[in-house]
Protein backbone atom coordinates (compact mmCIF):
# COMPACT_ATOMS: atom_id res chain seq x y z
CA MET A 1 -62.18 36.29 -99.42
CA ASP A 2 -64.26 39.28 -98.87
CA LEU A 3 -62.28 42.49 -99.12
CA ASP A 4 -64.74 44.49 -97.14
CA LYS A 5 -64.21 42.60 -93.91
CA PRO A 6 -61.29 43.59 -91.69
CA VAL A 7 -58.54 40.96 -91.48
CA ILE A 8 -55.98 40.54 -88.78
CA ARG A 9 -52.66 40.33 -90.40
CA GLU A 10 -50.13 37.65 -89.49
CA LEU A 11 -47.60 38.49 -86.82
CA PRO A 12 -43.94 38.27 -87.66
CA GLU A 13 -41.90 35.54 -86.02
CA PRO A 14 -41.21 36.80 -82.46
CA ILE A 15 -37.62 37.77 -81.70
CA LYS A 16 -36.12 35.48 -79.08
CA CYS A 17 -32.85 35.37 -77.15
CA ASP A 18 -29.99 34.10 -79.34
CA VAL A 19 -28.74 31.91 -76.47
CA CYS A 20 -31.71 30.31 -74.73
CA LYS A 21 -34.30 30.85 -77.50
CA ILE A 22 -37.01 31.26 -74.84
CA ARG A 23 -37.18 34.82 -73.51
CA TRP A 24 -37.42 38.17 -75.17
CA PRO A 25 -34.08 39.96 -75.69
CA GLU A 26 -33.25 43.19 -73.92
CA LYS A 27 -33.51 46.28 -76.03
CA GLY A 28 -30.60 48.58 -76.67
CA TYR A 29 -27.94 45.95 -77.24
CA GLN A 30 -26.47 44.78 -80.52
CA MET A 31 -26.57 41.10 -79.54
CA GLN A 32 -30.07 39.76 -79.00
CA MET A 33 -29.91 38.28 -75.48
CA CYS A 34 -32.30 38.17 -72.57
CA ALA A 35 -31.26 39.63 -69.19
CA GLY A 36 -30.61 36.17 -67.66
CA CYS A 37 -28.32 35.00 -70.46
CA ARG A 38 -26.50 38.34 -70.51
CA GLU A 39 -25.83 37.99 -66.74
CA LYS A 40 -24.51 34.42 -67.19
CA LEU A 41 -22.20 35.65 -69.94
CA LEU A 42 -20.86 38.46 -67.78
CA HIS A 43 -20.41 36.28 -64.67
CA PRO A 44 -19.75 32.71 -65.77
CA PRO A 45 -19.44 30.00 -63.07
CA ILE A 46 -15.93 29.19 -61.91
CA PRO A 47 -14.81 25.81 -63.30
CA MET A 48 -14.28 23.01 -60.77
CA SER A 49 -10.61 22.62 -61.75
CA ILE A 50 -9.94 26.23 -60.80
CA ARG A 51 -11.91 25.86 -57.57
CA GLY A 52 -9.90 22.74 -56.71
CA ALA A 53 -6.58 24.44 -57.47
CA ALA A 54 -7.59 27.43 -55.34
CA GLY A 55 -8.48 25.08 -52.49
CA VAL A 56 -5.11 23.33 -52.67
CA ILE A 57 -3.27 26.66 -52.73
CA ALA A 58 -5.29 27.91 -49.75
CA LEU A 59 -4.47 24.73 -47.83
CA LEU A 60 -0.76 25.03 -48.60
CA ALA A 61 -0.79 28.68 -47.54
CA LEU A 62 -2.48 27.72 -44.28
CA VAL A 63 0.16 25.07 -43.56
CA ALA A 64 2.94 27.53 -44.40
CA PHE A 65 1.48 30.15 -42.07
CA THR A 66 1.26 27.66 -39.22
CA GLN A 67 4.90 26.62 -39.65
CA PHE A 68 6.23 30.14 -40.13
CA PRO A 69 6.50 30.98 -36.40
CA ALA A 70 8.61 27.86 -35.77
CA ALA A 71 10.90 28.65 -38.68
CA LEU A 72 11.22 32.24 -37.52
CA SER A 73 12.10 31.25 -33.95
CA ALA A 74 14.66 28.74 -35.27
CA GLY A 75 16.23 31.47 -37.40
CA VAL A 76 16.33 33.86 -34.44
CA ALA A 77 17.90 31.18 -32.22
CA PHE A 78 20.52 30.43 -34.88
CA GLU A 79 21.45 34.11 -35.23
CA ARG A 80 21.67 34.48 -31.45
CA GLY A 81 23.96 31.47 -31.44
CA ARG A 82 26.18 33.11 -34.07
CA ASN A 83 26.33 36.31 -32.04
CA ALA A 84 27.12 34.44 -28.80
CA GLU A 85 29.83 32.50 -30.62
CA LYS A 86 31.39 35.75 -31.90
CA GLU A 87 31.38 37.08 -28.32
CA GLY A 88 33.10 33.92 -27.07
CA LYS A 89 30.06 32.70 -25.12
CA TYR A 90 30.29 29.18 -26.46
CA GLN A 91 27.97 27.49 -23.96
CA ASP A 92 25.23 30.04 -24.75
CA ALA A 93 25.87 29.55 -28.47
CA GLU A 94 25.58 25.79 -28.08
CA GLY A 95 22.21 26.23 -26.34
CA TYR A 96 20.89 28.47 -29.11
CA TYR A 97 22.07 26.02 -31.77
CA ARG A 98 20.39 23.15 -29.90
CA ARG A 99 17.14 25.14 -29.95
CA THR A 100 17.53 25.44 -33.72
CA LEU A 101 18.21 21.70 -33.95
CA SER A 102 15.06 20.92 -31.96
CA LEU A 103 13.05 22.50 -34.79
CA PHE A 104 15.28 21.43 -37.71
CA PRO A 105 17.13 18.29 -36.58
CA ARG A 106 18.59 17.56 -40.02
CA SER A 107 20.17 21.01 -40.48
CA THR A 108 23.79 20.39 -41.36
CA LEU A 109 24.83 23.95 -40.61
CA ALA A 110 23.15 24.03 -37.18
CA LEU A 111 24.60 20.63 -36.29
CA ALA A 112 28.10 21.66 -37.33
CA ARG A 113 27.87 24.98 -35.45
CA THR A 114 26.64 23.09 -32.36
CA GLY A 115 29.67 20.79 -32.51
CA ILE A 116 32.02 23.73 -33.03
CA ALA A 117 30.51 25.64 -30.09
CA ALA A 118 30.68 22.51 -27.89
CA TYR A 119 34.36 22.08 -28.78
CA HIS A 120 35.20 25.67 -27.88
CA ALA A 121 33.18 25.32 -24.66
CA GLY A 122 35.40 22.38 -23.72
CA ASP A 123 32.80 19.62 -24.17
CA MET A 124 34.83 17.27 -26.37
CA GLU A 125 32.43 14.32 -26.13
CA THR A 126 29.44 16.37 -27.34
CA ALA A 127 31.57 18.02 -30.00
CA LEU A 128 32.66 14.62 -31.34
CA GLU A 129 29.06 13.32 -31.38
CA ASP A 130 27.78 16.36 -33.27
CA LEU A 131 30.68 16.56 -35.70
CA GLN A 132 30.41 12.82 -36.42
CA LYS A 133 26.80 13.41 -37.56
CA VAL A 134 27.92 15.91 -40.23
CA ALA A 135 30.74 13.71 -41.55
CA GLY A 136 30.36 13.10 -45.26
CA ARG A 137 27.77 15.83 -45.83
CA GLU A 138 28.32 18.56 -48.40
CA VAL A 139 29.00 21.97 -46.85
CA SER A 140 30.67 25.22 -47.78
CA LYS A 141 34.46 25.27 -48.03
CA GLU A 142 34.75 27.60 -45.02
CA LEU A 143 32.64 25.34 -42.80
CA ALA A 144 34.48 22.22 -43.99
CA ASP A 145 37.84 23.86 -43.21
CA GLU A 146 36.65 24.92 -39.74
CA VAL A 147 35.22 21.49 -38.87
CA ASN A 148 38.24 19.64 -40.28
CA SER A 149 40.66 21.83 -38.29
CA ILE A 150 38.71 21.08 -35.09
CA ILE A 151 38.75 17.35 -35.88
CA GLN A 152 42.52 17.61 -36.44
CA GLU A 153 42.94 19.39 -33.09
CA ILE A 154 40.88 16.70 -31.35
CA ASP A 155 42.95 13.96 -33.02
CA THR A 156 46.15 15.67 -31.83
CA GLN A 157 44.80 15.94 -28.27
CA VAL A 158 43.75 12.28 -28.29
CA GLU A 159 47.20 11.20 -29.52
CA GLU A 160 48.92 13.29 -26.84
CA TYR A 161 46.65 11.83 -24.18
CA GLU A 162 47.36 8.28 -25.35
CA ARG A 163 51.11 8.95 -25.34
CA SER A 164 50.93 10.34 -21.81
CA GLN A 165 48.97 7.29 -20.68
CA LYS A 166 51.57 4.94 -22.19
CA GLY A 167 54.35 6.87 -20.46
CA GLN A 168 52.64 6.52 -17.09
CA ARG A 169 52.11 2.78 -17.55
CA GLY A 170 55.74 2.17 -18.46
CA ALA A 171 57.11 4.00 -15.39
CA PRO A 172 57.76 1.89 -12.30
CA ALA A 173 55.04 2.07 -9.72
CA ASN A 174 57.44 3.11 -7.01
CA ALA A 175 59.84 5.27 -8.98
CA GLY A 176 61.99 7.46 -6.81
CA GLY A 177 60.70 5.84 -3.63
CA GLN A 178 62.27 3.32 -1.29
CA ASN A 179 61.40 -0.30 -1.26
CA ARG A 180 60.56 -1.58 2.10
């Protein structure tokens, strides 16, 4: 080699992004990364499992929000029934409880309160139907005592009625009258 001729020296191996190994890294950072890889690291894509879970939660929230007005109106109707019952307006209370039952037909408490209100309103047949539906269900001690006392009162009234019917059948048809 001739020393008098200028020679282009060899370039060092170019510095590339540590992640993609394609682009030049941004200057001023300790880790050698290009702008695209740095952006991906800062804002990674959301995994599909998280997206799916978020979708399910959003769907459940939507269903809950659509049913909330019905549950709220049932709760309001039930409370109005309680207030009417406290005021002695048993027919009104029964109507409010029926409105609650139209939205929550399996509600033991609403069904029992409906039967109790019907009993106090004088509608024995409806009271018996409603109270029969709650028979055997688990309830609070106070509610069980109230329902059982009403059932006992109805049983007593039925027994008295049956006794009075037997007494009328046994009496002569023309008692106290003259035979002609």
